[in-house]
Protein backbone atom coordinates (compact mmCIF):
# COMPACT_ATOMS: atom_id res chain seq x y z
CA UNK A 1 -0.06 0.07 -0.08
CA UNK A 2 2.84 2.78 0.96
CA UNK A 3 4.61 1.59 -2.53
CA UNK A 4 1.48 2.35 -4.26
CA UNK A 5 1.06 5.31 -3.06
CA UNK A 6 4.69 6.70 -3.66
CA UNK A 7 4.30 5.54 -7.22
CA UNK A 8 1.45 7.53 -7.79
CA UNK A 9 2.79 10.67 -5.92
CA UNK A 10 5.96 10.28 -8.27
CA UNK A 11 4.05 9.72 -11.28
CA UNK A 12 2.27 13.10 -10.71
CA UNK A 13 4.90 15.41 -9.55
CA UNK A 14 7.74 14.06 -12.02
CA UNK A 15 5.42 14.26 -15.24
CA UNK A 16 3.90 17.84 -13.98
CA UNK A 17 7.52 19.13 -13.31
CA UNK A 18 9.04 18.05 -16.89
CA UNK A 19 6.04 19.12 -18.57
CA UNK A 20 5.06 22.58 -17.10
CA UNK A 21 8.90 23.34 -16.77
CA UNK A 22 9.59 22.59 -20.21
CA UNK A 23 6.79 24.73 -21.43
CA UNK A 24 7.78 27.79 -19.21
CA UNK A 25 11.55 27.45 -20.05
CA UNK A 26 10.44 27.51 -24.10
CA UNK A 27 8.56 30.78 -23.60
CA UNK A 28 11.49 32.19 -21.67
CA UNK A 29 13.76 31.62 -24.26
CA UNK A 30 11.83 32.69 -27.05
CA UNK A 31 10.99 29.24 -28.98
CA UNK A 32 7.32 30.45 -28.66
CA UNK A 33 5.78 33.39 -29.18
CA UNK A 34 5.86 35.95 -26.15
CA UNK A 35 3.79 34.29 -23.86
CA UNK A 36 0.96 36.87 -22.41
CA UNK A 37 -2.14 35.98 -20.10
CA UNK A 38 -4.29 35.54 -23.17
CA UNK A 39 -2.60 31.97 -23.50
CA UNK A 40 -2.20 31.29 -20.37
CA UNK A 41 -5.46 29.16 -20.15
CA UNK A 42 -3.65 27.32 -23.32
CA UNK A 43 -0.13 26.89 -21.20
CA UNK A 44 -2.38 24.98 -18.49
CA UNK A 45 -4.36 22.77 -20.37
CA UNK A 46 -1.35 21.85 -22.80
CA UNK A 47 0.68 20.63 -19.31
CA UNK A 48 -2.34 19.10 -17.99
CA UNK A 49 -3.40 17.07 -21.16
CA UNK A 50 0.56 15.89 -21.49
CA UNK A 51 0.74 15.09 -17.37
CA UNK A 52 -2.48 13.02 -17.82
CA UNK A 53 -1.06 11.46 -21.16
CA UNK A 54 2.42 10.58 -19.55
CA UNK A 55 0.89 8.98 -16.35
CA UNK A 56 -1.54 7.13 -18.33
CA UNK A 57 0.67 5.71 -21.59
CA UNK A 58 3.60 4.78 -18.60
CA UNK A 59 1.01 3.32 -16.17
CA UNK A 60 -0.51 1.02 -19.04
CA UNK A 61 3.32 0.17 -19.67
CA UNK A 62 3.39 -0.72 -15.87
CA UNK A 63 1.02 -3.11 -16.05
CA UNK A 64 1.52 -4.74 -18.96
CA UNK A 65 5.20 -5.18 -17.72
CA UNK A 66 3.90 -6.47 -14.36
CA UNK A 67 1.39 -8.88 -15.65
CA UNK A 68 4.05 -10.89 -18.24
CA UNK A 69 6.67 -10.46 -15.91
CA UNK A 70 9.27 -9.15 -18.50
CA UNK A 71 11.62 -8.49 -15.64
CA UNK A 72 12.59 -12.21 -15.61
CA UNK A 73 13.21 -11.72 -19.64
CA UNK A 74 16.71 -12.29 -21.14
CA UNK A 75 18.63 -8.74 -20.73
CA UNK A 76 18.59 -8.69 -24.65
CA UNK A 77 14.77 -9.25 -25.02
CA UNK A 78 14.12 -7.07 -22.41
CA UNK A 79 16.18 -3.93 -23.70
CA UNK A 80 14.38 -4.20 -27.29
CA UNK A 81 10.79 -4.68 -25.72
CA UNK A 82 11.71 -1.46 -23.29
CA UNK A 83 13.07 0.48 -26.68
CA UNK A 84 9.88 -0.30 -28.77
CA UNK A 85 7.63 0.55 -25.61
CA UNK A 86 9.70 4.05 -25.69
CA UNK A 87 9.25 4.68 -29.18
CA UNK A 88 5.25 4.02 -28.72
CA UNK A 89 4.85 6.51 -25.92
CA UNK A 90 7.15 9.12 -27.29
CA UNK A 91 5.30 8.44 -30.87
CA UNK A 92 1.78 9.16 -29.26
CA UNK A 93 2.81 12.29 -26.87
CA UNK A 94 3.93 13.87 -30.12
CA UNK A 95 0.67 13.08 -32.16
CA UNK A 96 -0.95 14.81 -29.25
CA UNK A 97 0.91 17.72 -28.93
CA UNK A 98 2.06 18.84 -32.29
CA UNK A 99 -2.12 20.00 -33.16
CA UNK A 100 -1.95 21.48 -29.67
CA UNK A 101 0.97 23.53 -30.36
CA UNK A 102 0.42 24.47 -33.86
CA UNK A 103 -0.76 28.04 -32.97
CA UNK A 104 1.84 29.04 -30.26
CA UNK A 105 4.92 27.14 -32.08
CA UNK A 106 6.95 29.81 -34.15
CA UNK A 107 7.26 27.37 -37.52
CA UNK A 108 8.43 30.37 -39.72
CA UNK A 109 11.72 29.32 -39.98
CA UNK A 110 11.78 25.37 -39.71
CA UNK A 111 10.00 22.81 -41.90
CA UNK A 112 7.72 19.91 -40.75
CA UNK A 113 10.67 17.34 -40.87
CA UNK A 114 12.99 19.77 -38.34
CA UNK A 115 9.74 20.18 -36.01
CA UNK A 116 9.24 16.70 -35.97
CA UNK A 117 12.49 15.77 -35.23
CA UNK A 118 12.35 18.24 -32.23
CA UNK A 119 8.99 17.06 -31.05
CA UNK A 120 10.67 13.35 -30.81
CA UNK A 121 13.87 14.21 -29.42
CA UNK A 122 12.10 16.62 -26.50
CA UNK A 123 9.39 14.24 -25.59
CA UNK A 124 11.98 10.80 -25.84
CA UNK A 125 13.77 12.21 -22.94
CA UNK A 126 11.31 12.12 -20.13
CA UNK A 127 10.39 8.56 -21.16
CA UNK A 128 13.56 7.35 -21.29
CA UNK A 129 14.43 8.74 -17.90
CA UNK A 130 10.80 7.20 -16.81
CA UNK A 131 11.80 3.90 -18.05
CA UNK A 132 15.11 3.83 -17.01
CA UNK A 133 14.50 4.52 -13.46
CA UNK A 134 11.25 2.13 -13.40
CA UNK A 135 13.22 -0.70 -14.97
CA UNK A 136 16.54 -0.58 -12.51
CA UNK A 137 13.68 -0.23 -9.34
CA UNK A 138 12.19 -3.26 -10.17
CA UNK A 139 15.30 -4.73 -11.04
CA UNK A 140 16.39 -4.05 -7.28
CA UNK A 141 13.11 -4.56 -6.16
CA UNK A 142 13.24 -8.28 -7.49
CA UNK A 143 16.76 -9.02 -5.93
CA UNK A 144 15.70 -7.91 -2.42
CA UNK A 145 12.33 -10.31 -2.66
CA UNK A 146 14.56 -12.73 -3.81
CA UNK A 147 16.77 -12.34 -1.06
CA UNK A 148 14.17 -12.24 1.38
CA UNK A 149 12.49 -15.08 0.08
CA UNK A 150 15.83 -17.14 0.14
CA UNK A 151 16.56 -16.06 3.56
CA UNK A 152 12.89 -17.46 4.48
CA UNK A 153 13.70 -20.97 2.67
CA UNK A 154 17.08 -21.58 4.32
CA UNK A 155 15.27 -20.77 7.79
CA UNK A 156 12.54 -23.16 6.78
CA UNK A 157 15.01 -25.51 5.81
CA UNK A 158 17.55 -25.53 8.64
CA UNK A 159 14.32 -25.49 10.81
CA UNK A 160 12.93 -28.47 9.34
CA UNK A 161 16.61 -30.34 9.32
CA UNK A 162 17.13 -29.55 13.01
CA UNK A 163 13.97 -31.15 14.01
CA UNK A 164 14.92 -34.35 11.70
CA UNK A 165 18.50 -34.33 13.65
CA UNK A 166 16.37 -33.95 17.23
CA UNK A 167 14.35 -36.86 16.17
CA UNK A 168 17.26 -39.16 14.89
CA UNK A 169 18.43 -39.11 18.37
CA UNK A 170 15.54 -40.73 20.17
CA UNK A 171 16.01 -44.36 18.83
CA UNK A 172 19.63 -44.85 19.82
CA UNK A 173 18.71 -43.14 23.14
CA UNK A 174 15.85 -44.89 24.48
CA UNK A 175 17.59 -48.57 23.42
CA UNK A 176 20.50 -48.03 25.24
CA UNK A 177 18.14 -46.07 28.30
CA UNK A 178 15.76 -49.94 28.17
CA UNK A 179 18.87 -51.58 28.37
CA UNK A 180 19.77 -50.40 31.66
CA UNK A 181 16.96 -50.87 32.92
CA UNK A 182 16.30 -54.74 31.54
CA UNK A 183 19.22 -55.26 33.61
CA UNK A 184 17.96 -53.90 37.02
CA UNK A 185 14.54 -56.01 36.92
CA UNK A 186 16.52 -58.89 37.77
CA UNK A 187 18.65 -58.13 39.87
CA UNK A 188 17.01 -55.30 42.25
CA UNK A 189 13.51 -54.29 41.36
CA UNK A 190 13.61 -51.17 44.06
CA UNK A 191 16.44 -49.73 41.52
CA UNK A 192 14.68 -50.66 38.38
CA UNK A 193 11.60 -49.00 39.85
CA UNK A 194 13.98 -45.68 40.61
CA UNK A 195 15.30 -46.48 37.00
CA UNK A 196 11.63 -46.62 35.59
CA UNK A 197 11.27 -43.07 36.97
CA UNK A 198 14.66 -41.72 35.44
CA UNK A 199 13.78 -42.88 32.09
CA UNK A 200 9.84 -41.12 32.22
CA UNK A 201 12.23 -37.76 32.94
CA UNK A 202 14.53 -38.50 29.94
CA UNK A 203 11.66 -39.64 27.82
CA UNK A 204 9.58 -36.79 28.65
CA UNK A 205 13.02 -34.32 28.01
CA UNK A 206 13.06 -36.22 24.75
CA UNK A 207 9.59 -35.63 23.79
CA UNK A 208 9.47 -31.91 24.88
CA UNK A 209 12.85 -31.33 22.56
CA UNK A 210 11.07 -31.61 19.73
CA UNK A 211 9.12 -28.57 20.49
CA UNK A 212 12.19 -26.78 21.35
CA UNK A 213 15.04 -25.43 19.47
CA UNK A 214 16.85 -24.67 22.57
CA UNK A 215 16.53 -25.27 26.10
CA UNK A 216 19.07 -24.02 29.09
CA UNK A 217 22.03 -25.81 30.08
CA UNK A 218 20.44 -26.01 33.74
CA UNK A 219 17.41 -28.28 32.12
CA UNK A 220 20.08 -30.14 29.40
CA UNK A 221 22.19 -30.96 33.11
CA UNK A 222 18.90 -32.26 34.86
CA UNK A 223 18.54 -34.75 31.55
CA UNK A 224 22.13 -35.73 31.63
CA UNK A 225 22.17 -36.34 35.53
CA UNK A 226 19.05 -39.16 35.10
CA UNK A 227 20.76 -40.82 32.22
CA UNK A 228 23.90 -41.06 34.28
CA UNK A 229 22.20 -42.17 37.32
CA UNK A 230 20.64 -45.25 35.24
CA UNK A 231 23.79 -45.88 34.13
CA UNK A 232 25.17 -45.35 37.84
CA UNK A 233 23.04 -48.37 38.89
CA UNK A 234 24.17 -50.34 36.00
CA UNK A 235 28.13 -49.88 36.22
CA UNK A 236 28.16 -49.01 39.93
CA UNK A 237 31.78 -48.06 41.30
CA UNK A 238 33.07 -48.58 37.26
CA UNK A 239 31.61 -45.28 36.90
CA UNK A 240 32.83 -42.04 38.46
CA UNK A 241 31.37 -38.81 37.72
CA UNK A 242 32.66 -35.53 38.22
CA UNK A 243 30.79 -32.04 37.84
CA UNK A 244 32.16 -28.41 37.43
CA UNK A 245 29.76 -26.39 35.84
CA UNK A 246 29.85 -22.50 36.61
CA UNK A 247 26.67 -21.26 37.82
CA UNK A 248 26.32 -18.33 35.14
CA UNK A 249 26.54 -20.85 32.65
CA UNK A 250 23.24 -22.45 33.75
CA UNK A 251 20.85 -20.00 32.17
CA UNK A 252 22.59 -20.16 28.65
CA UNK A 253 20.73 -21.86 25.93
CA UNK A 254 21.92 -25.07 24.30
CA UNK A 255 20.79 -27.37 21.63
CA UNK A 256 18.15 -30.12 23.59
CA UNK A 257 19.75 -33.65 24.22
CA UNK A 258 22.75 -32.77 22.29
CA UNK A 259 25.05 -33.19 25.86
CA UNK A 260 23.28 -36.18 26.33
CA UNK A 261 24.17 -37.86 23.05
CA UNK A 262 27.88 -37.37 23.50
CA UNK A 263 27.48 -38.12 27.36
CA UNK A 264 26.41 -41.32 26.11
CA UNK A 265 28.57 -42.05 23.47
CA UNK A 266 31.41 -41.42 26.19
CA UNK A 267 29.80 -44.04 28.08
CA UNK A 268 29.47 -46.13 25.44
CA UNK A 269 32.64 -46.08 24.07
CA UNK A 270 34.80 -44.97 26.95
CA UNK A 271 33.48 -46.14 30.18
CA UNK A 272 32.08 -49.45 28.85
CA UNK A 273 35.48 -50.69 27.15
CA UNK A 274 37.58 -49.89 30.28
CA UNK A 275 39.16 -52.83 31.97
CA UNK A 276 38.70 -51.65 35.34
CA UNK A 277 37.05 -48.26 35.83
CA UNK A 278 36.04 -45.22 33.90
CA UNK A 279 35.53 -41.61 34.45
CA UNK A 280 33.29 -38.93 33.00
CA UNK A 281 33.65 -35.25 33.50
CA UNK A 282 31.29 -32.45 32.59
CA UNK A 283 32.00 -28.79 32.67
CA UNK A 284 30.94 -25.14 31.35
CA UNK A 285 32.85 -21.96 31.60
CA UNK A 286 32.23 -18.48 29.98
CA UNK A 287 35.38 -17.58 27.69
CA UNK A 288 36.05 -14.90 25.40
CA UNK A 289 31.96 -14.40 24.89
CA UNK A 290 31.10 -17.80 24.17
CA UNK A 291 30.01 -20.97 26.41
CA UNK A 292 32.64 -23.60 26.28
CA UNK A 293 31.37 -27.26 27.52
CA UNK A 294 33.70 -30.00 28.07
CA UNK A 295 33.57 -33.70 28.37
CA UNK A 296 36.11 -35.51 29.18
CA UNK A 297 35.91 -39.31 29.49
CA UNK A 298 38.25 -42.66 29.79
CA UNK A 299 38.54 -43.71 26.25
CA UNK A 300 40.62 -43.93 23.03
CA UNK A 301 39.19 -42.10 19.75
CA UNK A 302 38.50 -44.34 17.18
CA UNK A 303 38.47 -43.13 13.38
CA UNK A 304 35.83 -45.66 11.51
CA UNK A 305 34.66 -45.56 7.93
CA UNK A 306 31.07 -46.63 9.18
CA UNK A 307 29.02 -43.50 11.08
CA UNK A 308 27.32 -45.77 12.30
CA UNK A 309 30.32 -47.03 14.56
CA UNK A 310 32.70 -45.43 17.63
CA UNK A 311 29.99 -42.55 17.76
CA UNK A 312 30.04 -41.39 14.45
CA UNK A 313 26.48 -40.24 13.95
CA UNK A 314 26.50 -38.49 17.49
CA UNK A 315 29.38 -36.59 16.45
CA UNK A 316 28.32 -35.80 12.85
CA UNK A 317 24.43 -34.90 14.27
CA UNK A 318 26.33 -32.59 17.12
CA UNK A 319 28.52 -30.31 14.14
CA UNK A 320 26.13 -30.49 11.80
CA UNK A 321 23.12 -29.14 14.81
CA UNK A 322 25.61 -26.70 16.02
CA UNK A 323 25.69 -25.43 12.33
CA UNK A 324 22.49 -25.03 11.92
CA UNK A 325 21.86 -22.88 14.80
CA UNK A 326 24.92 -20.89 15.31
CA UNK A 327 26.63 -20.90 11.67
CA UNK A 328 30.43 -20.51 11.87
CA UNK A 329 30.75 -19.01 15.43
CA UNK A 330 30.13 -21.93 17.06
CA UNK A 331 32.40 -24.94 17.06
CA UNK A 332 32.90 -28.68 18.16
CA UNK A 333 36.27 -31.00 18.18
CA UNK A 334 37.10 -34.21 19.90
CA UNK A 335 40.68 -34.99 20.17
CA UNK A 336 42.55 -37.71 22.54
CA UNK A 337 43.99 -35.65 25.33
CA UNK A 338 46.22 -39.04 26.67
CA UNK A 339 46.21 -42.57 25.91
CA UNK A 340 43.66 -42.95 28.58
CA UNK A 341 41.42 -40.19 28.12
CA UNK A 342 39.05 -37.98 25.20
CA UNK A 343 38.57 -34.62 25.10
CA UNK A 344 35.21 -33.05 23.65
CA UNK A 345 34.83 -29.49 23.89
CA UNK A 346 31.73 -27.36 22.36
CA UNK A 347 32.05 -23.23 21.84
CA UNK A 348 28.73 -21.70 21.58
CA UNK A 349 28.29 -17.76 20.78
CA UNK A 350 26.68 -15.65 23.55
CA UNK A 351 25.73 -13.27 21.47
CA UNK A 352 23.86 -15.56 19.06
């Protein structure tokens, strides 16, 4: 609505300024007979007719231009069509002006051919200027709209892909959690009941994660605590857990279930394979306007061809989710700290 208002404003002001200023200049420079008040009505009438004709003809072009989407034509075809339209509009304006100006134009020293050429050159200028302005504006507007649509599409694709990645974690997570519960049922029913409660909490967190792009680190830590409580019952003293969560980091938003997946990999591919016992250490702190989350655990980093082995899927999942949410300002790295310890580090920008 706002653009239409400005369009008509520019049309009226632009054509009025050109035609009335042009006629006034002709009188001042002597191209026409001396101006007196008797010719004032003809001066105004000629200007109004020219303004109305200029607005009408260019507006008809605009309707055709938009309806048949000329802006999407190859450059050569667009230039040819616009040139033809400039010629047509100029010819019509000349045909309108010659009869009106017959009585006031001094043609004693010019023949009809020179007169027509002067009319064509004089009236072609505003039409050509209008055409260039309108086409360049249309190109700029198309590029702007394309950029907006591209951003919206990328955002939609990223959101969809992020939801798919979150959904793909659940089968692997549930499988391991159910295995932990199964081991408890016959050995210690009371602990199994406690395990069912913890599993219920985990499933609730997992279900909620589908509706959230991020959760607070405090919520994510609670999910990990429930998961590790289940694994602690299963591994008993073979699993040592250490927490080092900075208080100021608890409110910071992180992708849901992402840390839980990394902890799950650390248990499965580290502690589970340890000969005697293993440990897992989870820490967080703020460094250079970024949240740093560290996970250290017993184990050896294995490189395999298949992403389904050695936690490959979980690691690729983590990288992809961070990239989708935070772009290049985030990072995830995992490396062998020493021959017995694997270290994972996640960096999330706070300004995001």
